[in-house]
C-alpha atoms as a PDB file:
ATOM      1  CA  UNK A   1       0.000   0.000   0.000  1.00  0.00           C
ATOM      2  CA  UNK A   2       1.389   3.419  -0.901  1.00  0.00           C
ATOM      3  CA  UNK A   3       2.324   5.851   1.822  1.00  0.00           C
ATOM      4  CA  UNK A   4      -0.184   8.604   2.350  1.00  0.00           C
ATOM      5  CA  UNK A   5       0.474  12.077   0.968  1.00  0.00           C
ATOM      6  CA  UNK A   6       2.082  14.461   3.410  1.00  0.00           C
ATOM      7  CA  UNK A   7       0.002  17.592   3.945  1.00  0.00           C
ATOM      8  CA  UNK A   8       1.780  20.901   3.306  1.00  0.00           C
ATOM      9  CA  UNK A   9       3.365  22.476   6.372  1.00  0.00           C
ATOM     10  CA  UNK A  10       1.749  25.864   5.726  1.00  0.00           C
ATOM     11  CA  UNK A  11      -1.812  25.434   6.893  1.00  0.00           C
ATOM     12  CA  UNK A  12      -4.580  27.526   5.382  1.00  0.00           C
ATOM     13  CA  UNK A  13      -6.656  29.463   7.938  1.00  0.00           C
ATOM     14  CA  UNK A  14     -10.374  29.038   7.301  1.00  0.00           C
ATOM     15  CA  UNK A  15     -13.613  29.033   9.326  1.00  0.00           C
ATOM     16  CA  UNK A  16     -15.101  25.562   9.780  1.00  0.00           C
ATOM     17  CA  UNK A  17     -17.669  24.703   8.692  1.00  0.00           C
ATOM     18  CA  UNK A  18     -17.941  27.285   5.930  1.00  0.00           C
ATOM     19  CA  UNK A  19     -18.517  27.469   2.188  1.00  0.00           C
ATOM     20  CA  UNK A  20     -14.917  28.634   1.770  1.00  0.00           C
ATOM     21  CA  UNK A  21     -13.655  25.533   3.585  1.00  0.00           C
ATOM     22  CA  UNK A  22     -15.964  23.160   1.666  1.00  0.00           C
ATOM     23  CA  UNK A  23     -14.968  24.499  -1.753  1.00  0.00           C
ATOM     24  CA  UNK A  24     -11.259  24.312  -0.931  1.00  0.00           C
ATOM     25  CA  UNK A  25     -11.593  20.835   0.580  1.00  0.00           C
ATOM     26  CA  UNK A  26     -13.452  19.606  -2.501  1.00  0.00           C
ATOM     27  CA  UNK A  27     -10.695  21.065  -4.714  1.00  0.00           C
ATOM     28  CA  UNK A  28      -7.973  19.393  -2.611  1.00  0.00           C
ATOM     29  CA  UNK A  29      -9.681  16.016  -2.967  1.00  0.00           C
ATOM     30  CA  UNK A  30     -10.292  16.439  -6.691  1.00  0.00           C
ATOM     31  CA  UNK A  31      -6.681  17.519  -7.324  1.00  0.00           C
ATOM     32  CA  UNK A  32      -5.187  14.575  -5.394  1.00  0.00           C
ATOM     33  CA  UNK A  33      -4.060  11.747  -7.663  1.00  0.00           C
ATOM     34  CA  UNK A  34      -3.359   9.604  -4.605  1.00  0.00           C
ATOM     35  CA  UNK A  35      -6.899  10.094  -3.245  1.00  0.00           C
ATOM     36  CA  UNK A  36      -8.333   9.384  -6.695  1.00  0.00           C
ATOM     37  CA  UNK A  37      -6.389   6.102  -6.878  1.00  0.00           C
ATOM     38  CA  UNK A  38      -7.204   5.067  -3.281  1.00  0.00           C
ATOM     39  CA  UNK A  39     -10.929   5.807  -3.707  1.00  0.00           C
ATOM     40  CA  UNK A  40     -11.384   4.649  -7.308  1.00  0.00           C
ATOM     41  CA  UNK A  41     -13.730   1.858  -6.165  1.00  0.00           C
ATOM     42  CA  UNK A  42     -15.689   4.043  -3.740  1.00  0.00           C
ATOM     43  CA  UNK A  43     -19.290   4.692  -4.707  1.00  0.00           C
ATOM     44  CA  UNK A  44     -21.372   6.554  -2.215  1.00  0.00           C
ATOM     45  CA  UNK A  45     -22.181   9.792  -0.521  1.00  0.00           C
ATOM     46  CA  UNK A  46     -21.120  10.301   3.056  1.00  0.00           C
ATOM     47  CA  UNK A  47     -22.627  12.408   5.824  1.00  0.00           C
ATOM     48  CA  UNK A  48     -20.157  13.324   8.563  1.00  0.00           C
ATOM     49  CA  UNK A  49     -22.042  14.282  11.741  1.00  0.00           C
ATOM     50  CA  UNK A  50     -20.487  16.302  14.552  1.00  0.00           C
ATOM     51  CA  UNK A  51     -22.408  15.660  17.769  1.00  0.00           C
ATOM     52  CA  UNK A  52     -22.408  18.153  20.663  1.00  0.00           C
ATOM     53  CA  UNK A  53     -20.340  17.490  23.754  1.00  0.00           C
ATOM     54  CA  UNK A  54     -20.274  20.906  25.425  1.00  0.00           C
ATOM     55  CA  UNK A  55     -17.984  22.463  22.813  1.00  0.00           C
ATOM     56  CA  UNK A  56     -18.765  24.846  19.961  1.00  0.00           C
ATOM     57  CA  UNK A  57     -22.147  23.477  18.838  1.00  0.00           C
ATOM     58  CA  UNK A  58     -25.283  22.773  20.898  1.00  0.00           C
ATOM     59  CA  UNK A  59     -26.817  20.363  18.330  1.00  0.00           C
ATOM     60  CA  UNK A  60     -25.791  17.894  15.621  1.00  0.00           C
ATOM     61  CA  UNK A  61     -24.353  19.463  12.486  1.00  0.00           C
ATOM     62  CA  UNK A  62     -23.098  17.668   9.428  1.00  0.00           C
ATOM     63  CA  UNK A  63     -21.186  17.926   6.212  1.00  0.00           C
ATOM     64  CA  UNK A  64     -22.399  15.765   3.325  1.00  0.00           C
ATOM     65  CA  UNK A  65     -19.958  14.856   0.551  1.00  0.00           C
ATOM     66  CA  UNK A  66     -20.861  13.252  -2.770  1.00  0.00           C
ATOM     67  CA  UNK A  67     -17.856  10.929  -3.158  1.00  0.00           C
ATOM     68  CA  UNK A  68     -17.623   8.892  -6.350  1.00  0.00           C
ATOM     69  CA  UNK A  69     -14.647   7.005  -7.807  1.00  0.00           C
ATOM     70  CA  UNK A  70     -12.010   9.226  -6.209  1.00  0.00           C
ATOM     71  CA  UNK A  71     -13.756  12.529  -6.835  1.00  0.00           C
ATOM     72  CA  UNK A  72     -15.930  14.800  -4.717  1.00  0.00           C
ATOM     73  CA  UNK A  73     -18.878  15.861  -6.853  1.00  0.00           C
ATOM     74  CA  UNK A  74     -20.533  18.157  -4.328  1.00  0.00           C
ATOM     75  CA  UNK A  75     -21.223  19.041  -0.711  1.00  0.00           C
ATOM     76  CA  UNK A  76     -24.057  20.210   1.554  1.00  0.00           C
ATOM     77  CA  UNK A  77     -24.359  21.316   5.143  1.00  0.00           C
ATOM     78  CA  UNK A  78     -26.961  19.878   7.488  1.00  0.00           C
ATOM     79  CA  UNK A  79     -28.254  20.451  11.027  1.00  0.00           C
ATOM     80  CA  UNK A  80     -30.406  18.359  13.318  1.00  0.00           C
ATOM     81  CA  UNK A  81     -34.047  19.192  12.647  1.00  0.00           C
ATOM     82  CA  UNK A  82     -33.594  19.252   8.882  1.00  0.00           C
ATOM     83  CA  UNK A  83     -34.205  16.250   6.695  1.00  0.00           C
ATOM     84  CA  UNK A  84     -30.893  14.414   6.381  1.00  0.00           C
ATOM     85  CA  UNK A  85     -29.436  14.383   2.886  1.00  0.00           C
ATOM     86  CA  UNK A  86     -29.742  10.937   1.302  1.00  0.00           C
ATOM     87  CA  UNK A  87     -26.468   9.318   2.311  1.00  0.00           C
ATOM     88  CA  UNK A  88     -24.983   5.934   1.552  1.00  0.00           C
ATOM     89  CA  UNK A  89     -22.798   6.245   4.658  1.00  0.00           C
ATOM     90  CA  UNK A  90     -23.224   8.193   7.906  1.00  0.00           C
ATOM     91  CA  UNK A  91     -20.099   8.576  10.072  1.00  0.00           C
ATOM     92  CA  UNK A  92     -20.671  10.329  13.395  1.00  0.00           C
ATOM     93  CA  UNK A  93     -18.868  11.261  16.565  1.00  0.00           C
ATOM     94  CA  UNK A  94     -18.686  13.890  19.272  1.00  0.00           C
ATOM     95  CA  UNK A  95     -16.967  17.189  18.593  1.00  0.00           C
ATOM     96  CA  UNK A  96     -13.866  16.509  20.738  1.00  0.00           C
ATOM     97  CA  UNK A  97     -13.190  13.275  18.821  1.00  0.00           C
ATOM     98  CA  UNK A  98     -13.503  15.075  15.478  1.00  0.00           C
ATOM     99  CA  UNK A  99     -11.025  17.700  16.658  1.00  0.00           C
ATOM    100  CA  UNK A 100      -8.631  14.993  17.872  1.00  0.00           C
ATOM    101  CA  UNK A 101      -8.887  13.230  14.500  1.00  0.00           C
ATOM    102  CA  UNK A 102      -8.215  16.468  12.629  1.00  0.00           C
ATOM    103  CA  UNK A 103      -5.187  17.029  14.895  1.00  0.00           C
ATOM    104  CA  UNK A 104      -3.902  13.558  13.961  1.00  0.00           C
ATOM    105  CA  UNK A 105      -4.479  12.040  17.414  1.00  0.00           C
ATOM    106  CA  UNK A 106      -7.191   9.601  16.267  1.00  0.00           C
ATOM    107  CA  UNK A 107      -7.053   7.536  13.082  1.00  0.00           C
ATOM    108  CA  UNK A 108     -10.473   7.479  11.313  1.00  0.00           C
ATOM    109  CA  UNK A 109     -10.617   3.681  11.085  1.00  0.00           C
ATOM    110  CA  UNK A 110      -9.129   2.976  14.519  1.00  0.00           C
ATOM    111  CA  UNK A 111     -11.524   5.575  15.953  1.00  0.00           C
ATOM    112  CA  UNK A 112     -14.408   3.639  14.414  1.00  0.00           C
ATOM    113  CA  UNK A 113     -13.149   0.350  15.856  1.00  0.00           C
ATOM    114  CA  UNK A 114     -12.585   1.924  19.300  1.00  0.00           C
ATOM    115  CA  UNK A 115     -16.120   3.354  19.421  1.00  0.00           C
ATOM    116  CA  UNK A 116     -15.019   6.995  19.227  1.00  0.00           C
ATOM    117  CA  UNK A 117     -16.979   7.224  15.975  1.00  0.00           C
ATOM    118  CA  UNK A 118     -19.942   5.238  14.666  1.00  0.00           C
ATOM    119  CA  UNK A 119     -20.917   4.144  11.190  1.00  0.00           C
ATOM    120  CA  UNK A 120     -24.674   4.784  11.442  1.00  0.00           C
ATOM    121  CA  UNK A 121     -25.396   3.550   7.929  1.00  0.00           C
ATOM    122  CA  UNK A 122     -23.395   1.995   5.136  1.00  0.00           C
ATOM    123  CA  UNK A 123     -21.425  -1.205   4.776  1.00  0.00           C
ATOM    124  CA  UNK A 124     -18.388  -1.607   7.008  1.00  0.00           C
ATOM    125  CA  UNK A 125     -16.770  -3.857   4.367  1.00  0.00           C
ATOM    126  CA  UNK A 126     -16.736  -0.957   1.892  1.00  0.00           C
ATOM    127  CA  UNK A 127     -15.094   1.309   4.470  1.00  0.00           C
ATOM    128  CA  UNK A 128     -12.498  -1.336   5.355  1.00  0.00           C
ATOM    129  CA  UNK A 129     -11.588  -1.807   1.683  1.00  0.00           C
ATOM    130  CA  UNK A 130     -10.852   1.918   1.446  1.00  0.00           C
ATOM    131  CA  UNK A 131      -8.817   2.659   4.579  1.00  0.00           C
ATOM    132  CA  UNK A 132      -6.176   4.645   2.657  1.00  0.00           C
ATOM    133  CA  UNK A 133      -8.922   6.788   1.109  1.00  0.00           C
ATOM    134  CA  UNK A 134     -10.320   7.452   4.609  1.00  0.00           C
ATOM    135  CA  UNK A 135      -6.882   8.458   5.871  1.00  0.00           C
ATOM    136  CA  UNK A 136      -6.402  10.760   2.886  1.00  0.00           C
ATOM    137  CA  UNK A 137      -9.751  12.438   3.582  1.00  0.00           C
ATOM    138  CA  UNK A 138      -8.397  13.270   7.049  1.00  0.00           C
ATOM    139  CA  UNK A 139      -4.965  14.304   5.768  1.00  0.00           C
ATOM    140  CA  UNK A 140      -6.593  16.798   3.442  1.00  0.00           C
ATOM    141  CA  UNK A 141      -8.531  18.162   6.441  1.00  0.00           C
ATOM    142  CA  UNK A 142      -5.178  18.627   8.144  1.00  0.00           C
ATOM    143  CA  UNK A 143      -4.113  21.067   5.425  1.00  0.00           C
ATOM    144  CA  UNK A 144      -6.281  23.665   7.144  1.00  0.00           C
ATOM    145  CA  UNK A 145      -5.838  25.743  10.265  1.00  0.00           C
ATOM    146  CA  UNK A 146      -9.505  25.331  11.155  1.00  0.00           C
ATOM    147  CA  UNK A 147     -11.183  28.174  13.000  1.00  0.00           C
ATOM    148  CA  UNK A 148     -14.016  26.152  14.550  1.00  0.00           C
ATOM    149  CA  UNK A 149     -17.085  28.386  14.543  1.00  0.00           C
ATOM    150  CA  UNK A 150     -18.886  28.570  17.869  1.00  0.00           C
ATOM    151  CA  UNK A 151     -22.580  29.017  18.631  1.00  0.00           C
ATOM    152  CA  UNK A 152     -23.552  32.232  20.380  1.00  0.00           C
ATOM    153  CA  UNK A 153     -25.585  30.213  22.896  1.00  0.00           C
ATOM    154  CA  UNK A 154     -25.589  26.788  24.515  1.00  0.00           C
ATOM    155  CA  UNK A 155     -29.395  26.979  24.818  1.00  0.00           C
ATOM    156  CA  UNK A 156     -30.663  24.075  22.742  1.00  0.00           C
ATOM    157  CA  UNK A 157     -34.163  25.603  22.813  1.00  0.00           C
ATOM    158  CA  UNK A 158     -33.084  28.863  21.156  1.00  0.00           C
ATOM    159  CA  UNK A 159     -34.978  29.429  17.905  1.00  0.00           C
ATOM    160  CA  UNK A 160     -32.142  31.191  16.092  1.00  0.00           C
ATOM    161  CA  UNK A 161     -28.500  30.411  16.755  1.00  0.00           C
ATOM    162  CA  UNK A 162     -25.621  32.253  15.114  1.00  0.00           C
ATOM    163  CA  UNK A 163     -22.148  30.774  14.805  1.00  0.00           C
ATOM    164  CA  UNK A 164     -19.124  33.072  14.789  1.00  0.00           C
ATOM    165  CA  UNK A 165     -15.455  32.633  13.956  1.00  0.00           C
ATOM    166  CA  UNK A 166     -12.640  33.819  16.237  1.00  0.00           C
ATOM    167  CA  UNK A 167     -12.895  37.367  14.820  1.00  0.00           C
ATOM    168  CA  UNK A 168     -16.597  37.365  15.867  1.00  0.00           C
ATOM    169  CA  UNK A 169     -17.714  37.419  12.221  1.00  0.00           C
ATOM    170  CA  UNK A 170     -21.024  35.621  11.685  1.00  0.00           C
ATOM    171  CA  UNK A 171     -20.428  32.464   9.624  1.00  0.00           C
ATOM    172  CA  UNK A 172     -23.636  30.430  10.069  1.00  0.00           C
ATOM    173  CA  UNK A 173     -27.222  31.182  11.069  1.00  0.00           C
ATOM    174  CA  UNK A 174     -29.376  28.266  12.175  1.00  0.00           C
ATOM    175  CA  UNK A 175     -33.113  28.896  12.385  1.00  0.00           C
ATOM    176  CA  UNK A 176     -34.479  25.855  14.178  1.00  0.00           C
ATOM    177  CA  UNK A 177     -38.096  26.972  13.776  1.00  0.00           C
ATOM    178  CA  UNK A 178     -37.794  27.211   9.974  1.00  0.00           C
ATOM    179  CA  UNK A 179     -35.335  24.317   9.767  1.00  0.00           C
ATOM    180  CA  UNK A 180     -32.714  26.359   7.909  1.00  0.00           C
ATOM    181  CA  UNK A 181     -28.939  26.236   8.271  1.00  0.00           C
ATOM    182  CA  UNK A 182     -27.481  29.122   6.287  1.00  0.00           C
ATOM    183  CA  UNK A 183     -23.731  29.197   5.726  1.00  0.00           C
ATOM    184  CA  UNK A 184     -22.763  32.808   5.012  1.00  0.00           C
ATOM    185  CA  UNK A 185     -19.026  32.552   4.297  1.00  0.00           C
END
């Protein structure tokens, strides 16, 4: 098995989640010959769910990627209360585990086996046949200096919740009553 690509040492600062991050991440995946080779047999969309654990978000949020034969064909953002995008695979875990994985402290497959993450839907055999592709997905995440956006309240009953980056710029507005999750940046 080929060694994984080494992410560049100069990390790109970007709010997460954000449209800017998603577009750049999609470009990184689509420009990676190694990811394309490792994921050439992968067919299926994937919803990555970040569950609250007292950190930056008071409710489940997700990033959906349309992954097909080593390419990312699109992305969507999701929040609990909205209809989930149709997903062939759903990979979920609490926020602190996601941050540890992005920092390289948890391997995506080992984290799944250790119960730090859960495969809520999808075939485990498919995931296990594409472990290098999973690691490359994470390595491309590590190319960013992620500014994790934080909710302006921990009140899970709030009707409207804004998420801000470290400069206090509004990045996301979640309207739980209307079921909308608007990514502004």
